[in-house]
């Protein structure tokens, strides 16, 4: 199902009073996501060039990646770090199928699943969320950030849109602009190191002290 058809379906559901389902949108849209981003856009390349040297300053051996997509950052991390455990998942089976191909040859445990359903007894050195929190509805964002950080022992990193209180919601892709710094404070997380990529993207690096969470 193409993006235009998904948008028309969304608009129709809104007109008849049925709530747009973000998860179903991404399950379907994920099938074509690799084709959209396989030839990396300039901001994507810049984000990766800024993130990699920052990661090399950190000490981690295990990673949990929420919303890995087709494995864009997954592959970079697997290629540049000696990791003992890497678990990555996405709600889209299409995304995971592409990630397995894109990251072939690397020891990564890919699975299909949602943040709400994820459970693990393992605590990871690094929890990563690339371009995922901007797709979480405001009513759920604190729960999601708190849950993601719960599985991190050292670092919590996310990339996405900077907060702009005057920015309208982009309903075409169900994108939301959250006041992350206030949310971090409310859920007991430390202040983030924020690295600007461009006007629409930032990298947030939080070094955790589990005694404060």
Protein backbone atom coordinates (compact mmCIF):
# COMPACT_ATOMS: atom_id res chain seq x y z
CA UNK A 1 0.00 0.00 0.00
CA UNK A 2 1.48 3.36 -1.07
CA UNK A 3 1.83 6.44 1.12
CA UNK A 4 -0.83 8.39 -0.85
CA UNK A 5 -3.36 5.60 -0.37
CA UNK A 6 -2.52 5.40 3.34
CA UNK A 7 -3.10 9.13 3.69
CA UNK A 8 -6.45 8.91 1.89
CA UNK A 9 -7.46 6.04 4.14
CA UNK A 10 -6.41 8.05 7.19
CA UNK A 11 -8.36 11.09 6.08
CA UNK A 12 -11.46 8.99 5.45
CA UNK A 13 -11.22 7.40 8.89
CA UNK A 14 -10.91 10.83 10.47
CA UNK A 15 -13.97 12.10 8.61
CA UNK A 16 -16.11 9.19 9.77
CA UNK A 17 -14.80 9.53 13.31
CA UNK A 18 -12.45 6.52 13.44
CA UNK A 19 -9.09 7.26 15.03
CA UNK A 20 -6.04 7.07 12.80
CA UNK A 21 -3.88 4.09 13.83
CA UNK A 22 -0.22 5.09 13.87
CA UNK A 23 1.02 1.55 14.39
CA UNK A 24 -0.92 0.19 11.42
CA UNK A 25 0.38 3.06 9.29
CA UNK A 26 4.00 2.18 10.01
CA UNK A 27 3.47 -1.55 9.62
CA UNK A 28 2.29 -0.86 6.07
CA UNK A 29 4.60 2.07 5.24
CA UNK A 30 7.62 0.14 6.51
CA UNK A 31 7.46 -2.15 3.48
CA UNK A 32 8.64 0.72 1.24
CA UNK A 33 10.86 2.57 3.72
CA UNK A 34 14.11 0.99 2.51
CA UNK A 35 13.47 2.19 -1.05
CA UNK A 36 12.97 5.73 0.29
CA UNK A 37 16.17 5.90 2.34
CA UNK A 38 18.62 3.46 0.74
CA UNK A 39 20.16 6.43 -1.10
CA UNK A 40 20.86 8.50 2.00
CA UNK A 41 19.72 12.09 2.13
CA UNK A 42 22.17 14.82 3.11
CA UNK A 43 20.76 15.22 6.62
CA UNK A 44 20.96 11.46 7.17
CA UNK A 45 24.62 11.40 6.16
CA UNK A 46 25.35 14.37 8.41
CA UNK A 47 23.57 12.76 11.36
CA UNK A 48 25.64 9.62 10.97
CA UNK A 49 28.89 11.58 10.65
CA UNK A 50 28.09 13.47 13.88
CA UNK A 51 26.84 10.47 15.84
CA UNK A 52 29.68 8.03 15.16
CA UNK A 53 32.49 10.05 16.80
CA UNK A 54 30.25 10.70 19.81
CA UNK A 55 29.60 6.97 20.16
CA UNK A 56 33.34 6.28 20.04
CA UNK A 57 33.73 8.32 23.23
CA UNK A 58 31.39 5.95 25.09
CA UNK A 59 31.99 2.56 26.67
CA UNK A 60 29.39 -0.06 25.70
CA UNK A 61 29.24 -3.70 24.67
CA UNK A 62 25.50 -4.34 24.33
CA UNK A 63 22.77 -2.46 22.45
CA UNK A 64 19.00 -2.50 22.34
CA UNK A 65 17.57 -0.61 19.38
CA UNK A 66 13.91 0.40 19.36
CA UNK A 67 12.46 0.99 15.88
CA UNK A 68 15.53 -0.10 13.92
CA UNK A 69 13.84 0.34 10.54
CA UNK A 70 15.82 -1.27 7.73
CA UNK A 71 18.98 -1.18 9.86
CA UNK A 72 20.43 2.18 8.83
CA UNK A 73 22.19 2.87 12.15
CA UNK A 74 22.26 -0.80 13.12
CA UNK A 75 24.76 -1.58 10.39
CA UNK A 76 27.00 1.36 11.28
CA UNK A 77 27.14 0.30 14.94
CA UNK A 78 27.78 -3.34 14.07
CA UNK A 79 30.61 -2.36 11.71
CA UNK A 80 32.36 0.02 14.09
CA UNK A 81 32.06 -1.58 17.54
CA UNK A 82 32.94 -4.92 19.10
CA UNK A 83 29.59 -5.88 20.58
CA UNK A 84 28.66 -8.92 22.64
CA UNK A 85 24.90 -8.45 22.24
CA UNK A 86 22.78 -6.47 19.78
CA UNK A 87 18.99 -6.77 19.85
CA UNK A 88 16.94 -4.69 17.42
CA UNK A 89 13.24 -4.64 16.64
CA UNK A 90 10.59 -2.80 14.68
CA UNK A 91 6.78 -3.03 14.43
CA UNK A 92 7.04 -3.53 10.66
CA UNK A 93 7.83 -7.02 9.37
CA UNK A 94 8.82 -5.42 6.08
CA UNK A 95 11.39 -3.27 7.88
CA UNK A 96 12.83 -6.28 9.70
CA UNK A 97 13.03 -8.33 6.50
CA UNK A 98 14.99 -5.48 4.88
CA UNK A 99 17.17 -5.05 7.98
CA UNK A 100 18.21 -8.69 7.91
CA UNK A 101 19.34 -8.24 4.29
CA UNK A 102 20.94 -4.84 4.81
CA UNK A 103 22.89 -6.02 7.88
CA UNK A 104 23.68 -9.52 6.64
CA UNK A 105 26.97 -10.85 7.96
CA UNK A 106 26.59 -9.14 11.32
CA UNK A 107 25.49 -10.87 14.52
CA UNK A 108 22.26 -9.01 15.29
CA UNK A 109 19.08 -10.43 16.77
CA UNK A 110 16.25 -8.85 14.77
CA UNK A 111 12.62 -9.28 15.78
CA UNK A 112 9.17 -7.84 15.04
CA UNK A 113 7.49 -6.12 17.98
CA UNK A 114 6.30 -2.90 19.59
CA UNK A 115 7.65 -0.82 22.46
CA UNK A 116 4.49 -1.44 24.46
CA UNK A 117 4.91 -5.20 24.22
CA UNK A 118 8.68 -5.40 24.65
CA UNK A 119 9.93 -7.26 27.71
CA UNK A 120 13.42 -8.36 28.74
CA UNK A 121 15.29 -9.37 31.88
CA UNK A 122 18.51 -8.09 30.30
CA UNK A 123 19.83 -4.56 30.84
CA UNK A 124 21.77 -3.11 27.91
CA UNK A 125 24.71 -0.70 28.05
CA UNK A 126 23.12 1.42 25.33
CA UNK A 127 19.49 1.87 24.32
CA UNK A 128 18.98 3.57 20.96
CA UNK A 129 15.85 5.05 19.37
CA UNK A 130 16.48 6.49 15.89
CA UNK A 131 13.65 8.72 14.60
CA UNK A 132 11.09 6.89 16.69
CA UNK A 133 9.95 9.19 19.50
CA UNK A 134 8.69 11.83 17.08
CA UNK A 135 6.07 9.28 15.97
CA UNK A 136 4.76 8.67 19.50
CA UNK A 137 1.54 10.45 20.44
CA UNK A 138 1.81 13.04 23.26
CA UNK A 139 -0.38 10.96 25.58
CA UNK A 140 2.13 8.08 25.37
CA UNK A 141 5.50 9.83 25.15
CA UNK A 142 6.41 9.83 28.85
CA UNK A 143 5.56 6.14 29.18
CA UNK A 144 7.65 5.29 26.11
CA UNK A 145 10.72 7.27 27.20
CA UNK A 146 10.52 5.84 30.69
CA UNK A 147 10.17 2.29 29.36
CA UNK A 148 13.02 2.61 26.87
CA UNK A 149 15.40 4.07 29.44
CA UNK A 150 14.48 1.30 31.89
CA UNK A 151 16.49 -1.17 29.81
CA UNK A 152 19.62 1.01 29.65
CA UNK A 153 22.41 0.75 32.22
CA UNK A 154 24.74 3.42 30.80
CA UNK A 155 23.36 5.40 27.87
CA UNK A 156 20.07 6.34 26.26
CA UNK A 157 20.33 7.91 22.80
CA UNK A 158 17.57 9.12 20.52
CA UNK A 159 17.47 11.09 17.29
CA UNK A 160 14.58 13.13 15.98
CA UNK A 161 12.94 16.50 15.60
CA UNK A 162 13.77 19.42 17.94
CA UNK A 163 10.94 20.84 20.04
CA UNK A 164 9.13 23.78 18.54
CA UNK A 165 5.98 24.87 20.42
CA UNK A 166 4.80 26.77 17.35
CA UNK A 167 5.17 23.84 14.96
CA UNK A 168 1.94 22.22 13.79
CA UNK A 169 1.55 18.45 13.95
CA UNK A 170 2.40 16.85 10.62
CA UNK A 171 -0.53 14.46 10.43
CA UNK A 172 0.59 13.02 7.10
CA UNK A 173 3.10 10.82 8.91
CA UNK A 174 1.75 11.27 12.43
CA UNK A 175 4.74 13.30 13.58
CA UNK A 176 4.77 15.11 16.93
CA UNK A 177 7.12 17.69 18.43
CA UNK A 178 7.79 16.87 22.09
CA UNK A 179 9.45 18.96 24.79
CA UNK A 180 12.02 16.27 25.51
CA UNK A 181 14.06 18.20 28.06
CA UNK A 182 10.99 18.69 30.25
CA UNK A 183 9.98 15.06 29.80
CA UNK A 184 13.46 13.81 30.77
CA UNK A 185 13.24 15.85 33.95
CA UNK A 186 9.74 14.60 34.80
CA UNK A 187 10.67 10.92 34.41
CA UNK A 188 13.92 11.28 36.36
CA UNK A 189 16.45 11.23 33.52
CA UNK A 190 19.58 13.41 33.38
CA UNK A 191 20.01 16.39 31.09
CA UNK A 192 20.77 15.37 27.53
CA UNK A 193 23.76 16.36 25.47
CA UNK A 194 22.05 17.76 22.36
CA UNK A 195 23.85 17.78 19.02
CA UNK A 196 22.07 19.71 16.26
CA UNK A 197 22.07 18.06 12.84
CA UNK A 198 19.89 20.60 11.02
CA UNK A 199 16.64 22.51 11.57
CA UNK A 200 14.60 19.31 11.70
CA UNK A 201 16.91 16.83 13.41
CA UNK A 202 18.89 16.48 16.63
CA UNK A 203 20.88 13.82 18.46
CA UNK A 204 20.18 13.42 22.19
CA UNK A 205 22.76 11.57 24.33
CA UNK A 206 21.87 10.85 27.94
CA UNK A 207 24.47 9.35 30.27
CA UNK A 208 22.52 7.52 32.92
CA UNK A 209 22.93 7.19 36.63
CA UNK A 210 20.59 4.34 37.53
CA UNK A 211 20.36 5.47 41.13
CA UNK A 212 18.43 8.55 39.92
CA UNK A 213 15.91 6.72 37.71
